[in-house]
């Protein structure tokens, strides 16, 4: 009788448990800990594909490679007084770039190609602006702050 009770309890506690699972289609913080339990890394991650993320860095790299994703290398200076640059890991070709204000109004729309793009928003008021880069159906979203 005792064995009939202990076996289900043993199986219940031995089932694999996935810590830090982010559901498909949602975003959240992933924490990385060392062997002593100290948090060594915190990153924001969006799960766009699988139900379980075992290695977030690998998942991001695989997702980027499979989508032909042209990742932004740097957006600088940020904050800026108006003029800023965006550099890419790989050259983009005929990307549609939109600059939106916080209300979603398009303040600038251009087509760009190459590894480095230059923008001048000196005529815009101080505030937060969003850069949407549509390259081959993949949209890259960045944020820039203008402080005059």
N, C-alpha and C. Protein backbone atom coordinates (compact mmCIF):
# COMPACT_ATOMS: atom_id res chain seq x y z
N UNK A 1 0.82 -1.19 0.00
CA UNK A 1 0.00 0.00 0.00
C UNK A 1 0.87 1.26 0.00
N UNK A 2 1.93 1.24 0.81
CA UNK A 2 2.83 2.39 0.88
C UNK A 2 3.52 2.64 -0.45
N UNK A 3 3.85 1.58 -1.16
CA UNK A 3 4.52 1.70 -2.46
C UNK A 3 3.58 2.35 -3.47
N UNK A 4 2.29 2.03 -3.41
CA UNK A 4 1.32 2.62 -4.32
C UNK A 4 1.20 4.13 -4.11
N UNK A 5 1.44 4.60 -2.93
CA UNK A 5 1.38 6.03 -2.64
C UNK A 5 2.70 6.71 -2.99
N UNK A 6 3.82 6.03 -2.66
CA UNK A 6 5.13 6.64 -2.89
C UNK A 6 5.51 6.76 -4.36
N UNK A 7 5.13 5.80 -5.18
CA UNK A 7 5.49 5.83 -6.60
C UNK A 7 4.88 7.04 -7.31
N UNK A 8 3.58 7.32 -7.18
CA UNK A 8 3.05 8.53 -7.84
C UNK A 8 3.68 9.83 -7.30
N UNK A 9 3.96 9.87 -5.98
CA UNK A 9 4.61 11.06 -5.43
C UNK A 9 6.02 11.23 -5.98
N UNK A 10 6.74 10.12 -6.10
CA UNK A 10 8.09 10.16 -6.66
C UNK A 10 8.05 10.65 -8.10
N UNK A 11 7.12 10.14 -8.89
CA UNK A 11 7.00 10.56 -10.29
C UNK A 11 6.60 12.02 -10.40
N UNK A 12 5.75 12.47 -9.51
CA UNK A 12 5.32 13.87 -9.53
C UNK A 12 6.48 14.83 -9.30
N UNK A 13 7.36 14.50 -8.36
CA UNK A 13 8.47 15.38 -8.04
C UNK A 13 9.66 15.22 -8.98
N UNK A 14 9.68 14.16 -9.77
CA UNK A 14 10.80 13.92 -10.68
C UNK A 14 10.53 14.41 -12.09
N UNK A 15 9.33 14.91 -12.36
CA UNK A 15 9.04 15.40 -13.70
C UNK A 15 9.91 16.61 -14.02
N UNK A 16 10.36 16.73 -15.25
CA UNK A 16 11.19 17.89 -15.60
C UNK A 16 10.39 19.19 -15.48
N UNK A 17 11.01 20.15 -14.88
CA UNK A 17 10.38 21.44 -14.68
C UNK A 17 11.21 22.48 -15.42
N UNK A 18 10.57 23.28 -16.26
CA UNK A 18 11.29 24.30 -17.02
C UNK A 18 11.16 25.65 -16.34
N UNK A 19 12.26 26.16 -15.85
CA UNK A 19 12.26 27.48 -15.26
C UNK A 19 12.44 28.51 -16.36
N UNK A 20 11.86 29.64 -16.19
CA UNK A 20 11.98 30.77 -17.10
C UNK A 20 11.48 30.45 -18.50
N UNK A 21 10.34 29.85 -18.61
CA UNK A 21 9.76 29.63 -19.92
C UNK A 21 8.94 30.86 -20.29
N UNK A 22 9.14 31.32 -21.49
CA UNK A 22 8.37 32.46 -22.00
C UNK A 22 7.44 31.92 -23.07
N UNK A 23 6.12 32.13 -22.93
CA UNK A 23 5.17 31.60 -23.90
C UNK A 23 5.42 32.18 -25.29
N UNK A 24 5.05 31.41 -26.31
CA UNK A 24 5.21 31.85 -27.69
C UNK A 24 4.40 33.13 -27.90
N UNK A 25 5.02 34.11 -28.55
CA UNK A 25 4.35 35.36 -28.86
C UNK A 25 4.41 36.39 -27.76
N UNK A 26 5.17 36.13 -26.71
CA UNK A 26 5.27 37.12 -25.64
C UNK A 26 6.73 37.40 -25.32
N UNK A 27 6.95 38.45 -24.54
CA UNK A 27 8.30 38.87 -24.18
C UNK A 27 8.44 38.90 -22.67
N UNK A 28 9.70 38.83 -22.21
CA UNK A 28 9.93 38.89 -20.77
C UNK A 28 11.41 38.90 -20.45
N UNK A 29 11.71 39.00 -19.16
CA UNK A 29 13.09 39.01 -18.72
C UNK A 29 13.57 37.59 -18.48
N UNK A 30 14.78 37.31 -18.95
CA UNK A 30 15.44 36.04 -18.68
C UNK A 30 16.64 36.30 -17.81
N UNK A 31 16.77 35.54 -16.75
CA UNK A 31 17.89 35.69 -15.83
C UNK A 31 18.85 34.52 -16.01
N UNK A 32 20.14 34.80 -15.92
CA UNK A 32 21.17 33.77 -15.98
C UNK A 32 21.91 33.80 -14.65
N UNK A 33 22.12 32.63 -14.07
CA UNK A 33 22.74 32.52 -12.76
C UNK A 33 24.00 31.66 -12.85
N UNK A 34 24.98 31.94 -11.99
CA UNK A 34 26.16 31.09 -11.92
C UNK A 34 25.88 29.93 -10.97
N UNK A 35 26.88 29.06 -10.76
CA UNK A 35 26.70 27.86 -9.94
C UNK A 35 26.37 28.18 -8.49
N UNK A 36 26.79 29.34 -7.99
CA UNK A 36 26.53 29.71 -6.61
C UNK A 36 25.16 30.37 -6.43
N UNK A 37 24.44 30.59 -7.54
CA UNK A 37 23.12 31.19 -7.45
C UNK A 37 23.11 32.70 -7.61
N UNK A 38 24.25 33.28 -7.97
CA UNK A 38 24.32 34.73 -8.19
C UNK A 38 23.86 35.05 -9.60
N UNK A 39 23.01 36.07 -9.72
CA UNK A 39 22.56 36.48 -11.05
C UNK A 39 23.71 37.15 -11.77
N UNK A 40 24.05 36.65 -12.96
CA UNK A 40 25.16 37.21 -13.71
C UNK A 40 24.70 37.93 -14.97
N UNK A 41 23.44 37.72 -15.38
CA UNK A 41 22.96 38.34 -16.60
C UNK A 41 21.45 38.48 -16.56
N UNK A 42 20.98 39.62 -17.06
CA UNK A 42 19.54 39.85 -17.17
C UNK A 42 19.30 40.42 -18.55
N UNK A 43 18.38 39.81 -19.32
CA UNK A 43 18.12 40.31 -20.66
C UNK A 43 16.64 40.21 -20.98
N UNK A 44 16.20 41.10 -21.85
CA UNK A 44 14.83 41.11 -22.31
C UNK A 44 14.77 40.28 -23.58
N UNK A 45 13.85 39.32 -23.64
CA UNK A 45 13.80 38.40 -24.76
C UNK A 45 12.36 38.22 -25.22
N UNK A 46 12.15 38.16 -26.53
CA UNK A 46 10.85 37.87 -27.10
C UNK A 46 10.87 36.50 -27.74
N UNK A 47 9.93 35.65 -27.36
CA UNK A 47 9.85 34.30 -27.91
C UNK A 47 8.89 34.33 -29.09
N UNK A 48 9.44 34.20 -30.29
CA UNK A 48 8.63 34.23 -31.50
C UNK A 48 8.50 32.87 -32.17
N UNK A 49 9.01 31.81 -31.51
CA UNK A 49 9.00 30.55 -32.23
C UNK A 49 8.69 29.32 -31.43
N UNK A 50 9.51 28.97 -30.49
CA UNK A 50 9.35 27.69 -29.81
C UNK A 50 8.71 27.87 -28.44
N UNK A 51 8.24 26.76 -27.89
CA UNK A 51 7.60 26.80 -26.58
C UNK A 51 8.61 26.85 -25.44
N UNK A 52 9.82 26.41 -25.68
CA UNK A 52 10.81 26.33 -24.61
C UNK A 52 12.13 26.91 -25.07
N UNK A 53 12.71 27.75 -24.26
CA UNK A 53 13.98 28.37 -24.58
C UNK A 53 15.02 27.78 -23.65
N UNK A 54 15.95 27.02 -24.19
CA UNK A 54 16.98 26.45 -23.33
C UNK A 54 18.21 27.34 -23.31
N UNK A 55 18.50 27.99 -24.42
CA UNK A 55 19.64 28.89 -24.52
C UNK A 55 19.20 30.12 -25.29
N UNK A 56 18.87 31.22 -24.61
CA UNK A 56 18.33 32.40 -25.28
C UNK A 56 19.26 32.97 -26.35
N UNK A 57 20.56 32.98 -26.10
CA UNK A 57 21.51 33.52 -27.09
C UNK A 57 21.46 32.70 -28.37
N UNK A 58 21.47 31.39 -28.23
CA UNK A 58 21.43 30.50 -29.39
C UNK A 58 20.10 30.66 -30.12
N UNK A 59 19.01 30.77 -29.38
CA UNK A 59 17.69 30.92 -30.00
C UNK A 59 17.63 32.21 -30.82
N UNK A 60 18.19 33.31 -30.28
CA UNK A 60 18.19 34.57 -31.03
C UNK A 60 19.04 34.47 -32.29
N UNK A 61 20.20 33.84 -32.20
CA UNK A 61 21.08 33.70 -33.36
C UNK A 61 20.43 32.84 -34.43
N UNK A 62 19.80 31.74 -34.04
CA UNK A 62 19.15 30.87 -35.01
C UNK A 62 17.98 31.57 -35.67
N UNK A 63 17.21 32.32 -34.87
CA UNK A 63 16.07 33.04 -35.41
C UNK A 63 16.53 34.10 -36.40
N UNK A 64 17.58 34.82 -36.08
CA UNK A 64 18.11 35.85 -36.96
C UNK A 64 18.64 35.25 -38.25
N UNK A 65 19.35 34.14 -38.16
CA UNK A 65 19.92 33.51 -39.34
C UNK A 65 18.83 32.96 -40.25
N UNK A 66 17.80 32.38 -39.67
CA UNK A 66 16.76 31.77 -40.49
C UNK A 66 15.89 32.81 -41.18
N UNK A 67 15.76 33.99 -40.60
CA UNK A 67 14.92 35.03 -41.18
C UNK A 67 15.69 35.96 -42.10
N UNK A 68 16.98 35.79 -42.24
CA UNK A 68 17.78 36.72 -43.04
C UNK A 68 17.82 38.08 -42.38
N UNK A 69 17.83 38.11 -41.10
CA UNK A 69 17.71 39.32 -40.28
C UNK A 69 18.99 40.13 -40.33
N UNK A 70 18.86 41.41 -40.64
CA UNK A 70 19.99 42.32 -40.67
C UNK A 70 19.98 43.10 -39.36
N UNK A 71 20.74 42.67 -38.41
CA UNK A 71 20.69 43.24 -37.07
C UNK A 71 21.42 44.58 -37.01
N UNK A 72 20.84 45.51 -36.26
CA UNK A 72 21.46 46.81 -36.04
C UNK A 72 22.65 46.63 -35.11
N UNK A 73 23.80 47.11 -35.55
CA UNK A 73 25.01 47.02 -34.75
C UNK A 73 25.05 48.14 -33.72
N UNK A 74 24.72 49.37 -34.14
CA UNK A 74 24.76 50.51 -33.22
C UNK A 74 23.87 51.63 -33.72
N UNK A 75 23.31 52.37 -32.78
CA UNK A 75 22.60 53.61 -33.04
C UNK A 75 23.25 54.64 -32.13
N UNK A 76 23.92 55.63 -32.73
CA UNK A 76 24.70 56.57 -31.93
C UNK A 76 24.70 57.94 -32.56
N UNK A 77 24.91 59.00 -31.84
CA UNK A 77 24.82 59.08 -30.38
C UNK A 77 23.36 59.00 -29.94
N UNK A 78 23.16 58.48 -28.78
CA UNK A 78 21.80 58.38 -28.24
C UNK A 78 21.88 58.55 -26.73
N UNK A 79 21.38 59.64 -26.17
CA UNK A 79 20.57 60.69 -26.78
C UNK A 79 21.39 61.59 -27.71
N UNK A 80 20.66 62.29 -28.57
CA UNK A 80 21.28 63.13 -29.58
C UNK A 80 20.62 64.50 -29.61
N UNK A 81 21.28 65.44 -30.27
CA UNK A 81 20.68 66.76 -30.47
C UNK A 81 19.93 66.80 -31.79
N UNK A 82 19.98 65.75 -32.56
CA UNK A 82 19.25 65.69 -33.82
C UNK A 82 19.89 64.79 -34.85
N UNK A 83 21.20 64.83 -34.97
CA UNK A 83 21.90 64.02 -35.96
C UNK A 83 22.38 62.73 -35.32
N UNK A 84 22.06 61.58 -35.96
CA UNK A 84 22.51 60.29 -35.43
C UNK A 84 22.73 59.32 -36.58
N UNK A 85 23.40 58.22 -36.27
CA UNK A 85 23.78 57.21 -37.26
C UNK A 85 23.31 55.84 -36.80
N UNK A 86 23.00 54.98 -37.78
CA UNK A 86 22.68 53.59 -37.51
C UNK A 86 23.63 52.75 -38.34
N UNK A 87 24.35 51.83 -37.70
CA UNK A 87 25.22 50.92 -38.42
C UNK A 87 24.67 49.50 -38.29
N UNK A 88 24.89 48.68 -39.31
CA UNK A 88 24.38 47.32 -39.37
C UNK A 88 25.51 46.32 -39.41
N UNK A 89 25.21 45.09 -38.98
CA UNK A 89 26.19 43.99 -39.06
C UNK A 89 26.45 43.62 -40.51
N UNK A 90 25.40 43.66 -41.33
CA UNK A 90 25.49 43.36 -42.75
C UNK A 90 24.82 44.50 -43.50
N UNK A 91 25.24 44.70 -44.74
CA UNK A 91 24.65 45.77 -45.55
C UNK A 91 23.17 45.46 -45.82
N UNK A 92 22.34 46.49 -45.72
CA UNK A 92 20.92 46.35 -46.07
C UNK A 92 20.73 46.88 -47.48
N UNK A 93 19.66 46.45 -48.14
CA UNK A 93 19.42 46.85 -49.51
C UNK A 93 17.97 47.31 -49.65
N UNK A 94 17.77 48.56 -50.03
CA UNK A 94 16.45 49.16 -50.25
C UNK A 94 15.51 48.97 -49.06
N UNK A 95 15.99 49.23 -47.89
CA UNK A 95 15.15 49.15 -46.69
C UNK A 95 14.31 50.41 -46.59
N UNK A 96 13.09 50.25 -46.12
CA UNK A 96 12.22 51.40 -45.88
C UNK A 96 12.35 51.77 -44.41
N UNK A 97 12.80 53.01 -44.17
CA UNK A 97 13.04 53.47 -42.81
C UNK A 97 12.03 54.57 -42.49
N UNK A 98 11.33 54.37 -41.37
CA UNK A 98 10.37 55.37 -40.91
C UNK A 98 10.77 55.84 -39.52
N UNK A 99 10.68 57.14 -39.30
CA UNK A 99 10.91 57.71 -37.97
C UNK A 99 9.56 58.18 -37.47
N UNK A 100 9.14 57.66 -36.32
CA UNK A 100 7.85 58.00 -35.74
C UNK A 100 8.03 58.70 -34.41
N UNK A 101 7.12 59.63 -34.11
CA UNK A 101 7.14 60.25 -32.79
C UNK A 101 6.36 59.35 -31.82
N UNK A 102 6.23 59.77 -30.57
CA UNK A 102 5.57 58.92 -29.57
C UNK A 102 4.09 58.72 -29.84
N UNK A 103 3.49 59.58 -30.67
CA UNK A 103 2.08 59.44 -31.02
C UNK A 103 1.87 58.55 -32.23
N UNK A 104 2.96 58.07 -32.84
CA UNK A 104 2.86 57.20 -34.00
C UNK A 104 2.84 57.94 -35.33
N UNK A 105 3.03 59.26 -35.29
CA UNK A 105 3.04 60.07 -36.52
C UNK A 105 4.40 59.92 -37.20
N UNK A 106 4.38 59.63 -38.50
CA UNK A 106 5.62 59.49 -39.27
C UNK A 106 6.19 60.89 -39.51
N UNK A 107 7.40 61.13 -38.97
CA UNK A 107 8.05 62.44 -39.15
C UNK A 107 9.09 62.40 -40.26
N UNK A 108 9.54 61.20 -40.64
CA UNK A 108 10.49 61.06 -41.74
C UNK A 108 10.37 59.65 -42.29
N UNK A 109 10.43 59.56 -43.63
CA UNK A 109 10.36 58.26 -44.30
C UNK A 109 11.36 58.29 -45.45
N UNK A 110 12.30 57.34 -45.46
CA UNK A 110 13.32 57.27 -46.49
C UNK A 110 13.59 55.83 -46.86
N UNK A 111 14.25 55.63 -48.02
CA UNK A 111 14.77 54.32 -48.40
C UNK A 111 16.26 54.37 -48.21
N UNK A 112 16.83 53.29 -47.68
CA UNK A 112 18.25 53.29 -47.42
C UNK A 112 18.90 51.97 -47.77
N UNK A 113 20.18 52.05 -48.11
CA UNK A 113 21.00 50.88 -48.40
C UNK A 113 22.38 51.10 -47.82
N UNK A 114 23.08 50.01 -47.53
CA UNK A 114 24.44 50.10 -47.03
C UNK A 114 24.58 49.60 -45.62
N UNK A 115 25.77 49.86 -45.05
CA UNK A 115 26.06 49.41 -43.69
C UNK A 115 25.90 50.53 -42.67
N UNK A 116 25.76 51.78 -43.15
CA UNK A 116 25.64 52.91 -42.22
C UNK A 116 24.66 53.92 -42.80
N UNK A 117 23.69 54.32 -41.98
CA UNK A 117 22.70 55.31 -42.39
C UNK A 117 22.81 56.52 -41.49
N UNK A 118 22.60 57.69 -42.06
CA UNK A 118 22.67 58.95 -41.31
C UNK A 118 21.30 59.60 -41.30
N UNK A 119 20.91 60.11 -40.14
CA UNK A 119 19.63 60.78 -39.98
C UNK A 119 19.85 62.14 -39.34
N UNK A 120 18.98 63.09 -39.71
CA UNK A 120 19.04 64.43 -39.12
C UNK A 120 17.63 64.84 -38.72
N UNK A 121 17.37 64.83 -37.43
CA UNK A 121 16.07 65.24 -36.88
C UNK A 121 16.20 66.54 -36.11
N UNK A 122 17.14 67.38 -36.51
CA UNK A 122 17.39 68.64 -35.81
C UNK A 122 16.17 69.54 -35.81
N UNK A 123 15.33 69.42 -36.83
CA UNK A 123 14.13 70.27 -36.92
C UNK A 123 12.97 69.74 -36.07
N UNK A 124 13.13 68.59 -35.42
CA UNK A 124 12.07 68.03 -34.59
C UNK A 124 12.27 68.45 -33.13
N UNK A 125 11.17 68.54 -32.38
CA UNK A 125 11.30 68.90 -30.97
C UNK A 125 11.93 67.77 -30.14
N UNK A 126 12.41 68.11 -28.96
CA UNK A 126 12.98 67.11 -28.06
C UNK A 126 11.93 66.06 -27.72
N UNK A 127 12.39 64.83 -27.55
CA UNK A 127 11.47 63.75 -27.20
C UNK A 127 11.99 62.41 -27.65
N UNK A 128 11.14 61.42 -27.53
CA UNK A 128 11.48 60.05 -27.91
C UNK A 128 10.92 59.76 -29.30
N UNK A 129 11.75 59.14 -30.13
CA UNK A 129 11.35 58.78 -31.49
C UNK A 129 11.68 57.31 -31.72
N UNK A 130 10.87 56.67 -32.55
CA UNK A 130 11.05 55.25 -32.86
C UNK A 130 11.46 55.11 -34.32
N UNK A 131 12.45 54.28 -34.56
CA UNK A 131 12.96 54.03 -35.90
C UNK A 131 12.49 52.64 -36.31
N UNK A 132 11.72 52.55 -37.38
CA UNK A 132 11.26 51.27 -37.91
C UNK A 132 11.98 51.04 -39.23
N UNK A 133 12.74 49.96 -39.29
CA UNK A 133 13.51 49.62 -40.48
C UNK A 133 12.92 48.34 -41.05
N UNK A 134 12.29 48.43 -42.22
CA UNK A 134 11.68 47.28 -42.86
C UNK A 134 12.61 46.82 -43.97
N UNK A 135 13.27 45.69 -43.74
CA UNK A 135 14.20 45.14 -44.72
C UNK A 135 13.80 43.72 -45.06
N UNK A 136 13.29 43.54 -46.25
CA UNK A 136 12.90 42.20 -46.70
C UNK A 136 11.77 41.60 -45.90
N UNK A 137 10.82 42.40 -45.43
CA UNK A 137 9.70 41.89 -44.66
C UNK A 137 9.96 41.76 -43.17
N UNK A 138 11.21 41.95 -42.74
CA UNK A 138 11.56 41.90 -41.32
C UNK A 138 11.65 43.34 -40.83
N UNK A 139 10.99 43.63 -39.71
CA UNK A 139 10.98 44.98 -39.17
C UNK A 139 11.90 45.05 -37.95
N UNK A 140 12.83 45.99 -38.00
CA UNK A 140 13.73 46.25 -36.88
C UNK A 140 13.23 47.52 -36.21
N UNK A 141 13.09 47.51 -34.89
CA UNK A 141 12.56 48.64 -34.15
C UNK A 141 13.62 49.15 -33.19
N UNK A 142 13.95 50.43 -33.29
CA UNK A 142 14.93 51.06 -32.39
C UNK A 142 14.33 52.35 -31.86
N UNK A 143 14.91 52.82 -30.76
CA UNK A 143 14.43 54.04 -30.11
C UNK A 143 15.59 55.03 -30.02
N UNK A 144 15.30 56.30 -30.31
CA UNK A 144 16.30 57.35 -30.18
C UNK A 144 15.66 58.51 -29.41
N UNK A 145 16.46 59.17 -28.58
CA UNK A 145 15.98 60.29 -27.78
C UNK A 145 16.68 61.56 -28.26
N UNK A 146 15.86 62.58 -28.55
CA UNK A 146 16.40 63.88 -28.94
C UNK A 146 16.31 64.78 -27.72
N UNK A 147 17.45 65.31 -27.30
CA UNK A 147 17.53 66.20 -26.14
C UNK A 147 18.29 67.45 -26.56
N UNK A 148 17.59 68.56 -26.65
CA UNK A 148 18.23 69.81 -27.08
C UNK A 148 18.50 70.72 -25.92
